[in-house]
Amino acid sequence: MSAVPQPLNPIAPPRVRWQVPRAWTPYLLLSPFLLLFAVFGVFPLLFSLWLAFQSWEPTSGLSAMRFVGLENFAFALQDEWFWKSLGNTGWLALASGVPQHLVAIPLACFIHATLRRSRNAMVGAYFVPYITSTVAIAILFSSLFSTDYGLVNAALGLLWPGDPVDWLNDPERIKPAIAIIVFWRYVGFNLVLYLAALQTIPKDLYEAATIDGASRLQQFFYITLPSLKPMIFFGVTLSVVGGLQLFEEPFILTGGRGGSDQAGMTTAIYLYRMAFDFNDFGAASAMSWLLFVLVVALTWLTFRLFNPRRGTA
């Protein structure tokens, strides 16, 4: 019997290719961000928490770490300069944060009610300081507040002739100067927030109030402000968090030293100096976590202020 002839080009069996499960796709797409966040976000956070319970100078290497328990927290709570920096930070947060909203809300109402064609240009002009480099802003204002050639003293000299004010070296003047810079930079950001919220308020409410005889002032207090309450809560929360973390403006304006009598030294600047000037990373980490607890507490108080607990029937 003759052998059965075989085909010249046999058909190979199909290959089974491994495919990524569909449920994994979102995590694979997010993996670059998650990896960077883990390296530059989660790890420094956990490492700072570990350092808060250690005594360590980075020049000695990791092997020089020594566990000290709560000594760093006790040192921070007994350090008068830490409390002074907290007082400066609170003063600057109030002096710069409260006027931001007191100016931004009526300004947003004015732009929303009166401007049409030039609205975008006006809002853009107020928003430019927020997107401008902090270093450039601080250098600009350091020239404006200069004792010898500053435009601020020149303008004040025309109104009230006298000796020029030493804004940057006088302990009683440095904090108002910093507050003015922070206010000028962030008022435009809050203006954009409130202007966006105003555009969501139905016009029918104002029309009905006008028919009922309500004045513009009554409409502002009984319609506009209650409708802006969620956005006010959001803006105030950002101001609280940002005010307690204030660093760039006072650091550049005071040369990183806090100014005369440390009047411009915020808590963030003191943390920086404790770590990089005094080489005490353990105490600096403990202070940073105390500041974190303070931020959380004030944020919670802000939430309770805007969302009081309702009684149950």
Protein backbone atom coordinates (compact mmCIF):
# COMPACT_ATOMS: atom_id res chain seq x y z
CA MET A 1 0.00 0.00 0.00
CA SER A 2 1.22 3.47 -0.86
CA ALA A 3 1.54 6.17 1.82
CA VAL A 4 -1.17 8.79 2.04
CA PRO A 5 0.21 12.06 0.63
CA GLN A 6 0.44 14.94 3.17
CA PRO A 7 -0.57 18.52 2.30
CA LEU A 8 2.31 20.76 1.33
CA ASN A 9 1.21 23.70 3.59
CA PRO A 10 -0.44 22.35 6.67
CA ILE A 11 -2.63 24.86 8.53
CA ALA A 12 -1.14 25.68 11.94
CA PRO A 13 -3.50 25.71 14.89
CA PRO A 14 -4.56 29.23 15.93
CA ARG A 15 -2.45 30.83 18.67
CA VAL A 16 -4.16 31.77 21.88
CA ARG A 17 -3.19 35.34 22.74
CA TRP A 18 -3.37 36.59 26.31
CA GLN A 19 -5.55 39.65 26.62
CA VAL A 20 -5.72 42.15 29.44
CA PRO A 21 -8.93 41.70 31.40
CA ARG A 22 -11.26 44.60 30.81
CA ALA A 23 -11.50 45.27 34.55
CA TRP A 24 -7.75 46.00 34.63
CA THR A 25 -7.82 48.60 31.87
CA PRO A 26 -8.59 51.68 34.04
CA TYR A 27 -5.84 50.76 36.51
CA LEU A 28 -3.30 50.23 33.73
CA LEU A 29 -4.14 53.63 32.26
CA LEU A 30 -3.80 55.24 35.69
CA SER A 31 -0.65 53.33 36.60
CA PRO A 32 1.82 56.09 35.53
CA PHE A 33 0.09 58.61 37.76
CA LEU A 34 -0.32 56.13 40.61
CA LEU A 35 3.37 55.22 40.43
CA LEU A 36 4.49 58.86 40.51
CA PHE A 37 2.01 59.64 43.29
CA ALA A 38 3.30 56.72 45.35
CA VAL A 39 6.93 57.84 44.92
CA PHE A 40 6.48 61.60 45.36
CA GLY A 41 3.31 61.69 47.47
CA VAL A 42 2.67 58.64 49.62
CA PHE A 43 6.28 57.80 50.43
CA PRO A 44 7.25 61.35 51.64
CA LEU A 45 4.05 61.45 53.70
CA LEU A 46 4.76 58.16 55.45
CA PHE A 47 8.46 58.96 55.80
CA SER A 48 7.68 62.30 57.48
CA LEU A 49 5.37 60.48 59.90
CA TRP A 50 8.21 58.08 60.69
CA LEU A 51 10.65 60.97 61.14
CA ALA A 52 8.31 62.65 63.61
CA PHE A 53 9.25 59.96 66.13
CA GLN A 54 12.96 59.96 65.31
CA SER A 55 15.96 62.12 66.06
CA TRP A 56 17.88 62.41 62.81
CA GLU A 57 20.35 64.66 61.06
CA PRO A 58 20.55 63.85 57.33
CA THR A 59 24.30 64.47 57.23
CA SER A 60 24.80 61.45 59.50
CA GLY A 61 23.04 58.97 57.23
CA LEU A 62 19.99 56.77 57.76
CA SER A 63 21.85 54.62 60.29
CA ALA A 64 21.99 57.55 62.70
CA MET A 65 18.22 57.57 63.26
CA ARG A 66 17.25 57.23 66.91
CA PHE A 67 13.72 56.59 68.13
CA VAL A 68 12.66 59.27 70.63
CA GLY A 69 8.91 58.69 70.87
CA LEU A 70 6.93 61.86 71.48
CA GLU A 71 9.90 64.06 72.33
CA ASN A 72 9.70 65.95 69.03
CA PHE A 73 6.03 66.76 69.62
CA ALA A 74 6.77 67.85 73.19
CA PHE A 75 9.59 70.06 71.94
CA ALA A 76 7.31 71.64 69.32
CA LEU A 77 4.56 72.38 71.85
CA GLN A 78 7.10 74.01 74.17
CA ASP A 79 8.92 75.97 71.48
CA GLU A 80 8.03 79.67 71.70
CA TRP A 81 9.10 80.28 68.10
CA PHE A 82 6.70 77.61 66.89
CA TRP A 83 3.84 79.34 68.68
CA LYS A 84 4.98 82.70 67.37
CA SER A 85 4.97 81.32 63.83
CA LEU A 86 1.45 79.95 64.37
CA GLY A 87 0.34 83.39 65.58
CA ASN A 88 1.87 85.05 62.52
CA THR A 89 0.25 82.48 60.24
CA GLY A 90 -3.17 82.97 61.83
CA TRP A 91 -2.88 86.76 61.57
CA LEU A 92 -1.90 86.58 57.89
CA ALA A 93 -4.61 84.02 57.12
CA LEU A 94 -7.31 86.26 58.57
CA ALA A 95 -5.94 89.56 57.24
CA SER A 96 -5.58 88.22 53.70
CA GLY A 97 -8.34 85.61 53.57
CA VAL A 98 -11.36 87.51 54.89
CA PRO A 99 -10.97 90.53 52.55
CA GLN A 100 -10.65 88.17 49.57
CA HIS A 101 -14.25 87.04 49.98
CA LEU A 102 -15.63 90.38 51.17
CA VAL A 103 -14.33 91.95 47.95
CA ALA A 104 -14.81 89.03 45.55
CA ILE A 105 -18.51 88.46 46.27
CA PRO A 106 -19.83 92.02 45.61
CA LEU A 107 -17.35 92.41 42.73
CA ALA A 108 -18.65 89.21 41.14
CA CYS A 109 -22.23 90.42 41.58
CA PHE A 110 -21.36 93.74 39.94
CA ILE A 111 -19.64 92.10 36.96
CA HIS A 112 -22.45 89.57 36.56
CA ALA A 113 -25.20 92.19 36.67
CA THR A 114 -23.69 95.05 34.67
CA LEU A 115 -20.97 93.82 32.32
CA ARG A 116 -21.67 91.87 29.16
CA ARG A 117 -19.12 92.39 26.39
CA SER A 118 -16.18 93.25 28.62
CA ARG A 119 -16.90 90.59 31.26
CA ASN A 120 -14.27 88.12 30.09
CA ALA A 121 -11.60 90.80 29.82
CA MET A 122 -12.39 92.10 33.31
CA VAL A 123 -12.35 88.63 34.87
CA GLY A 124 -9.13 87.78 33.04
CA ALA A 125 -7.45 90.91 34.38
CA TYR A 126 -8.33 89.94 37.96
CA PHE A 127 -7.28 86.32 37.38
CA VAL A 128 -3.81 87.12 35.97
CA PRO A 129 -2.12 87.49 39.41
CA TYR A 130 -3.22 83.97 40.36
CA ILE A 131 -1.44 82.37 37.40
CA THR A 132 1.62 84.63 37.64
CA SER A 133 4.82 83.28 39.19
CA THR A 134 4.90 83.77 42.94
CA VAL A 135 8.57 84.68 42.80
CA ALA A 136 7.89 87.41 40.23
CA ILE A 137 5.03 88.79 42.34
CA ALA A 138 7.13 88.85 45.51
CA ILE A 139 10.03 90.57 43.76
CA LEU A 140 7.64 93.12 42.26
CA PHE A 141 6.09 93.96 45.61
CA SER A 142 9.47 94.09 47.33
CA SER A 143 10.28 96.93 44.93
CA LEU A 144 6.90 98.58 45.47
CA PHE A 145 7.35 98.48 49.26
CA SER A 146 10.96 99.66 49.15
CA THR A 147 11.80 102.40 51.63
CA ASP A 148 13.92 104.47 49.25
CA TYR A 149 12.27 104.19 45.83
CA GLY A 150 9.01 102.28 46.39
CA LEU A 151 5.86 103.56 44.72
CA VAL A 152 3.81 102.79 47.84
CA ASN A 153 5.79 105.26 49.94
CA ALA A 154 5.72 107.76 47.08
CA ALA A 155 1.90 107.59 46.96
CA LEU A 156 1.63 107.82 50.75
CA GLY A 157 3.99 110.81 50.73
CA LEU A 158 1.59 112.71 48.48
CA LEU A 159 -1.31 112.08 50.85
CA TRP A 160 0.47 112.29 54.22
CA PRO A 161 3.88 113.97 53.98
CA GLY A 162 6.41 112.50 56.37
CA ASP A 163 9.16 109.95 56.71
CA PRO A 164 8.90 106.91 54.41
CA VAL A 165 7.56 103.74 55.96
CA ASP A 166 10.03 100.88 56.33
CA TRP A 167 7.61 98.16 55.22
CA LEU A 168 10.07 95.28 54.97
CA ASN A 169 12.06 95.82 58.17
CA ASP A 170 9.46 97.13 60.62
CA PRO A 171 7.82 94.26 62.59
CA GLU A 172 4.50 96.14 62.59
CA ARG A 173 4.54 96.74 58.82
CA ILE A 174 5.84 93.49 57.35
CA LYS A 175 2.68 91.49 58.06
CA PRO A 176 0.29 94.01 56.43
CA ALA A 177 2.61 94.08 53.40
CA ILE A 178 2.48 90.27 53.10
CA ALA A 179 -1.30 90.27 53.58
CA ILE A 180 -1.73 92.80 50.76
CA ILE A 181 0.29 90.60 48.40
CA VAL A 182 -1.68 87.46 49.24
CA PHE A 183 -4.98 89.31 48.94
CA TRP A 184 -4.02 90.79 45.57
CA ARG A 185 -2.98 87.40 44.24
CA TYR A 186 -6.01 85.32 45.26
CA VAL A 187 -8.95 87.72 45.03
CA GLY A 188 -9.22 87.01 41.30
CA PHE A 189 -9.42 83.27 41.91
CA ASN A 190 -12.34 83.73 44.32
CA LEU A 191 -13.94 86.13 41.85
CA VAL A 192 -14.00 83.39 39.21
CA LEU A 193 -15.54 80.94 41.68
CA TYR A 194 -18.35 83.27 42.70
CA LEU A 195 -19.01 84.45 39.16
CA ALA A 196 -19.46 80.84 38.06
CA ALA A 197 -21.85 80.22 40.96
CA LEU A 198 -23.88 83.34 40.14
CA GLN A 199 -24.53 82.07 36.63
CA THR A 200 -26.30 79.00 38.05
CA ILE A 201 -28.90 80.99 40.03
CA PRO A 202 -32.24 80.95 38.17
CA LYS A 203 -33.35 84.38 36.97
CA ASP A 204 -36.92 83.50 37.89
CA LEU A 205 -36.09 84.00 41.56
CA TYR A 206 -35.03 87.60 40.97
CA GLU A 207 -38.02 88.29 38.73
CA ALA A 208 -40.43 86.95 41.34
CA ALA A 209 -38.69 88.97 44.07
CA THR A 210 -38.90 92.13 41.95
CA ILE A 211 -42.61 91.59 41.41
CA ASP A 212 -43.07 91.17 45.17
CA GLY A 213 -41.35 94.51 45.73
CA ALA A 214 -37.99 93.29 47.05
CA SER A 215 -35.15 95.77 46.69
CA ARG A 216 -31.74 94.95 45.22
CA LEU A 217 -30.25 94.76 48.70
CA GLN A 218 -32.97 92.39 49.89
CA GLN A 219 -32.46 90.20 46.82
CA PHE A 220 -28.74 90.07 47.58
CA PHE A 221 -29.22 88.93 51.19
CA TYR A 222 -32.18 86.59 50.65
CA ILE A 223 -31.43 85.11 47.22
CA THR A 224 -27.81 85.66 46.20
CA LEU A 225 -26.01 84.88 49.45
CA PRO A 226 -28.02 81.71 50.28
CA SER A 227 -27.47 80.48 46.72
CA LEU A 228 -23.72 81.17 47.01
CA LYS A 229 -23.40 79.33 50.32
CA PRO A 230 -21.91 76.10 48.86
CA MET A 231 -19.36 78.08 46.86
CA ILE A 232 -18.55 80.29 49.84
CA PHE A 233 -17.88 77.16 51.88
CA PHE A 234 -15.58 75.87 49.15
CA GLY A 235 -13.73 79.19 48.82
CA VAL A 236 -13.36 79.70 52.57
CA THR A 237 -12.04 76.15 52.96
CA LEU A 238 -9.40 76.78 50.31
CA SER A 239 -8.48 80.06 52.02
CA VAL A 240 -8.10 78.33 55.39
CA VAL A 241 -5.91 75.56 53.98
CA GLY A 242 -3.85 77.94 51.84
CA GLY A 243 -3.49 80.52 54.60
CA LEU A 244 -2.08 78.01 57.06
CA GLN A 245 0.40 76.78 54.44
CA LEU A 246 1.58 80.25 53.42
CA PHE A 247 5.24 80.09 52.41
CA GLU A 248 6.39 81.66 49.13
CA GLU A 249 5.35 85.29 49.57
CA PRO A 250 6.75 85.85 53.10
CA PHE A 251 9.82 83.70 52.35
CA ILE A 252 10.88 85.84 49.39
CA LEU A 253 9.79 89.15 50.91
CA THR A 254 11.75 88.53 54.12
CA GLY A 255 14.73 86.79 52.54
CA GLY A 256 13.79 83.48 54.13
CA ARG A 257 14.50 84.73 57.67
CA GLY A 258 11.08 85.93 58.74
CA GLY A 259 11.90 89.62 58.85
CA SER A 260 12.66 91.79 61.84
CA ASP A 261 11.71 90.14 65.15
CA GLN A 262 10.47 87.17 63.07
CA ALA A 263 7.23 89.07 62.47
CA GLY A 264 6.86 87.62 58.97
CA MET A 265 7.85 84.05 59.82
CA THR A 266 4.99 81.68 59.09
CA THR A 267 4.82 78.10 60.32
CA ALA A 268 5.81 76.77 56.90
CA ILE A 269 8.94 78.96 56.92
CA TYR A 270 9.80 77.80 60.45
CA LEU A 271 9.44 74.16 59.38
CA TYR A 272 11.78 74.82 56.48
CA ARG A 273 14.38 76.48 58.70
CA MET A 274 14.09 73.77 61.35
CA ALA A 275 14.84 71.11 58.73
CA PHE A 276 17.39 72.77 56.45
CA ASP A 277 18.99 75.44 58.67
CA PHE A 278 19.04 73.59 61.99
CA ASN A 279 19.20 70.05 60.50
CA ASP A 280 16.49 68.76 62.84
CA PHE A 281 14.23 66.82 60.52
CA GLY A 282 12.51 65.03 63.39
CA ALA A 283 11.24 68.22 65.02
CA ALA A 284 10.31 69.68 61.63
CA SER A 285 8.26 66.56 60.80
CA ALA A 286 6.50 66.69 64.17
CA MET A 287 5.62 70.36 63.64
CA SER A 288 4.32 69.60 60.15
CA TRP A 289 1.95 66.97 61.55
CA LEU A 290 0.78 69.36 64.25
CA LEU A 291 0.05 71.86 61.50
CA PHE A 292 -1.81 69.14 59.60
CA VAL A 293 -3.99 68.47 62.65
CA LEU A 294 -4.71 72.20 62.92
CA VAL A 295 -5.70 72.37 59.24
CA VAL A 296 -8.05 69.41 59.66
CA ALA A 297 -9.61 70.92 62.78
CA LEU A 298 -10.22 74.33 61.19
CA THR A 299 -11.59 72.70 58.05
CA TRP A 300 -14.02 70.71 60.18
CA LEU A 301 -15.06 73.88 62.04
CA THR A 302 -15.62 75.60 58.69
CA PHE A 303 -17.79 72.70 57.58
CA ARG A 304 -19.85 72.87 60.78
CA LEU A 305 -20.20 76.64 60.38
CA PHE A 306 -21.71 76.31 56.92
CA ASN A 307 -23.57 73.07 57.67
CA PRO A 308 -24.93 73.28 61.20
CA ARG A 309 -26.45 70.13 62.64
CA ARG A 310 -30.19 70.10 62.17
CA GLY A 311 -32.41 68.99 64.93
CA THR A 312 -34.47 65.89 64.40
CA ALA A 313 -38.22 65.99 64.63
